[in-house]
């Protein structure tokens, strides 16, 4: 029987820094420290944000600031606590939440 979980996505740029480290690495370290069940860093090859400027691999001048997404999943209370802690610690982060059903594994 599938189990209800919450998936959070933290949208960053690959060159963003938090506490002197690459932001995606620091977020991943904190999630592990806080006991979140699983997290993955996804690097994109192209994207744009609020500035509507494209960033993509292939053109060195435009490859600065490629989008990176840190996804993490756990039961809702743990995800919400982690999201609140990230916002409290770093302020202005773009985070989305999505309900998911996790298929049990052996």
C-alpha atoms as a PDB file:
ATOM      1  CA  UNK A   1       0.000   0.000   0.000  1.00  0.00           C
ATOM      2  CA  UNK A   2       1.494   3.401  -0.988  1.00  0.00           C
ATOM      3  CA  UNK A   3       2.437   5.729   1.863  1.00  0.00           C
ATOM      4  CA  UNK A   4       1.710   9.492   1.755  1.00  0.00           C
ATOM      5  CA  UNK A   5       4.841  11.621   1.778  1.00  0.00           C
ATOM      6  CA  UNK A   6       5.759  15.200   0.949  1.00  0.00           C
ATOM      7  CA  UNK A   7       8.294  16.187  -1.719  1.00  0.00           C
ATOM      8  CA  UNK A   8      10.014  19.560  -1.449  1.00  0.00           C
ATOM      9  CA  UNK A   9      12.064  21.200  -4.182  1.00  0.00           C
ATOM     10  CA  UNK A  10      14.523  23.998  -3.449  1.00  0.00           C
ATOM     11  CA  UNK A  11      15.439  25.961  -6.595  1.00  0.00           C
ATOM     12  CA  UNK A  12      18.929  27.443  -6.628  1.00  0.00           C
ATOM     13  CA  UNK A  13      21.662  28.471  -9.046  1.00  0.00           C
ATOM     14  CA  UNK A  14      24.751  26.296  -9.196  1.00  0.00           C
ATOM     15  CA  UNK A  15      26.965  29.215  -8.144  1.00  0.00           C
ATOM     16  CA  UNK A  16      24.795  30.363  -5.188  1.00  0.00           C
ATOM     17  CA  UNK A  17      26.598  30.340  -1.839  1.00  0.00           C
ATOM     18  CA  UNK A  18      25.234  29.743   1.657  1.00  0.00           C
ATOM     19  CA  UNK A  19      27.515  29.986   4.668  1.00  0.00           C
ATOM     20  CA  UNK A  20      30.561  30.078   2.393  1.00  0.00           C
ATOM     21  CA  UNK A  21      29.707  26.825   0.582  1.00  0.00           C
ATOM     22  CA  UNK A  22      27.877  26.005  -2.614  1.00  0.00           C
ATOM     23  CA  UNK A  23      24.220  26.403  -1.675  1.00  0.00           C
ATOM     24  CA  UNK A  24      23.071  23.033  -2.977  1.00  0.00           C
ATOM     25  CA  UNK A  25      25.836  21.272  -1.016  1.00  0.00           C
ATOM     26  CA  UNK A  26      25.028  23.193   2.179  1.00  0.00           C
ATOM     27  CA  UNK A  27      21.288  22.460   1.874  1.00  0.00           C
ATOM     28  CA  UNK A  28      22.041  18.755   1.338  1.00  0.00           C
ATOM     29  CA  UNK A  29      24.355  18.691   4.371  1.00  0.00           C
ATOM     30  CA  UNK A  30      21.686  20.283   6.558  1.00  0.00           C
ATOM     31  CA  UNK A  31      18.955  17.926   5.362  1.00  0.00           C
ATOM     32  CA  UNK A  32      21.163  14.946   6.235  1.00  0.00           C
ATOM     33  CA  UNK A  33      22.019  16.489   9.610  1.00  0.00           C
ATOM     34  CA  UNK A  34      18.304  17.020  10.318  1.00  0.00           C
ATOM     35  CA  UNK A  35      17.506  13.379   9.523  1.00  0.00           C
ATOM     36  CA  UNK A  36      15.492  13.883   6.334  1.00  0.00           C
ATOM     37  CA  UNK A  37      14.935  10.483   4.726  1.00  0.00           C
ATOM     38  CA  UNK A  38      16.277  11.232   1.249  1.00  0.00           C
ATOM     39  CA  UNK A  39      17.541  14.097  -0.902  1.00  0.00           C
ATOM     40  CA  UNK A  40      18.921  14.514  -4.417  1.00  0.00           C
ATOM     41  CA  UNK A  41      20.592  17.378  -6.272  1.00  0.00           C
ATOM     42  CA  UNK A  42      19.471  17.765  -9.889  1.00  0.00           C
ATOM     43  CA  UNK A  43      21.549  19.936 -12.212  1.00  0.00           C
ATOM     44  CA  UNK A  44      19.754  21.314 -15.232  1.00  0.00           C
ATOM     45  CA  UNK A  45      21.137  22.070 -18.656  1.00  0.00           C
ATOM     46  CA  UNK A  46      18.937  25.096 -19.298  1.00  0.00           C
ATOM     47  CA  UNK A  47      16.501  27.391 -17.532  1.00  0.00           C
ATOM     48  CA  UNK A  48      15.394  30.904 -16.728  1.00  0.00           C
ATOM     49  CA  UNK A  49      13.951  32.656 -13.709  1.00  0.00           C
ATOM     50  CA  UNK A  50      12.331  35.946 -12.827  1.00  0.00           C
ATOM     51  CA  UNK A  51      14.832  37.897 -14.937  1.00  0.00           C
ATOM     52  CA  UNK A  52      13.757  35.903 -18.024  1.00  0.00           C
ATOM     53  CA  UNK A  53      17.445  35.515 -18.962  1.00  0.00           C
ATOM     54  CA  UNK A  54      18.311  32.072 -20.316  1.00  0.00           C
ATOM     55  CA  UNK A  55      21.129  30.131 -18.704  1.00  0.00           C
ATOM     56  CA  UNK A  56      22.339  27.009 -20.442  1.00  0.00           C
ATOM     57  CA  UNK A  57      25.336  24.782 -21.005  1.00  0.00           C
ATOM     58  CA  UNK A  58      27.323  25.187 -24.158  1.00  0.00           C
ATOM     59  CA  UNK A  59      27.830  28.928 -24.188  1.00  0.00           C
ATOM     60  CA  UNK A  60      30.381  29.782 -21.548  1.00  0.00           C
ATOM     61  CA  UNK A  61      29.123  33.345 -21.172  1.00  0.00           C
ATOM     62  CA  UNK A  62      25.574  32.115 -20.432  1.00  0.00           C
ATOM     63  CA  UNK A  63      26.425  28.997 -18.419  1.00  0.00           C
ATOM     64  CA  UNK A  64      26.969  31.058 -15.281  1.00  0.00           C
ATOM     65  CA  UNK A  65      24.173  30.425 -12.813  1.00  0.00           C
ATOM     66  CA  UNK A  66      22.671  27.229 -14.213  1.00  0.00           C
ATOM     67  CA  UNK A  67      19.597  26.094 -12.282  1.00  0.00           C
ATOM     68  CA  UNK A  68      20.034  23.423  -9.620  1.00  0.00           C
ATOM     69  CA  UNK A  69      17.190  21.751  -7.732  1.00  0.00           C
ATOM     70  CA  UNK A  70      17.521  20.030  -4.371  1.00  0.00           C
ATOM     71  CA  UNK A  71      14.654  17.562  -3.935  1.00  0.00           C
ATOM     72  CA  UNK A  72      13.907  15.931  -0.629  1.00  0.00           C
ATOM     73  CA  UNK A  73      11.204  13.599   0.572  1.00  0.00           C
ATOM     74  CA  UNK A  74       9.920  12.409   3.917  1.00  0.00           C
ATOM     75  CA  UNK A  75       6.774  12.360   5.990  1.00  0.00           C
ATOM     76  CA  UNK A  76       4.986  15.713   6.012  1.00  0.00           C
ATOM     77  CA  UNK A  77       5.960  16.897   9.517  1.00  0.00           C
ATOM     78  CA  UNK A  78       9.671  16.326   8.887  1.00  0.00           C
ATOM     79  CA  UNK A  79       9.583  18.032   5.468  1.00  0.00           C
ATOM     80  CA  UNK A  80       7.674  21.029   6.829  1.00  0.00           C
ATOM     81  CA  UNK A  81      10.119  21.356   9.719  1.00  0.00           C
ATOM     82  CA  UNK A  82      13.072  21.227   7.298  1.00  0.00           C
ATOM     83  CA  UNK A  83      11.452  23.820   4.999  1.00  0.00           C
ATOM     84  CA  UNK A  84      10.786  26.150   7.943  1.00  0.00           C
ATOM     85  CA  UNK A  85      14.363  25.727   9.169  1.00  0.00           C
ATOM     86  CA  UNK A  86      15.807  26.435   5.706  1.00  0.00           C
ATOM     87  CA  UNK A  87      13.690  29.585   5.329  1.00  0.00           C
ATOM     88  CA  UNK A  88      14.567  30.704   8.854  1.00  0.00           C
ATOM     89  CA  UNK A  89      18.270  30.113   8.227  1.00  0.00           C
ATOM     90  CA  UNK A  90      18.608  31.484   4.684  1.00  0.00           C
ATOM     91  CA  UNK A  91      15.554  33.659   4.074  1.00  0.00           C
ATOM     92  CA  UNK A  92      14.580  34.133   0.455  1.00  0.00           C
ATOM     93  CA  UNK A  93      14.505  30.608  -1.025  1.00  0.00           C
ATOM     94  CA  UNK A  94      12.164  29.410  -3.774  1.00  0.00           C
ATOM     95  CA  UNK A  95      10.645  26.149  -2.503  1.00  0.00           C
ATOM     96  CA  UNK A  96       7.745  24.093  -3.831  1.00  0.00           C
ATOM     97  CA  UNK A  97       5.854  21.294  -2.089  1.00  0.00           C
ATOM     98  CA  UNK A  98       4.052  18.349  -3.601  1.00  0.00           C
ATOM     99  CA  UNK A  99       2.176  15.456  -2.055  1.00  0.00           C
ATOM    100  CA  UNK A 100       3.485  12.110  -3.287  1.00  0.00           C
ATOM    101  CA  UNK A 101       2.707   8.483  -2.602  1.00  0.00           C
ATOM    102  CA  UNK A 102       5.733   6.330  -2.022  1.00  0.00           C
ATOM    103  CA  UNK A 103       5.551   2.719  -3.139  1.00  0.00           C
ATOM    104  CA  UNK A 104       6.867   0.447  -0.397  1.00  0.00           C
ATOM    105  CA  UNK A 105      10.185  -1.198  -1.128  1.00  0.00           C
ATOM    106  CA  UNK A 106      11.812  -4.201   0.465  1.00  0.00           C
END
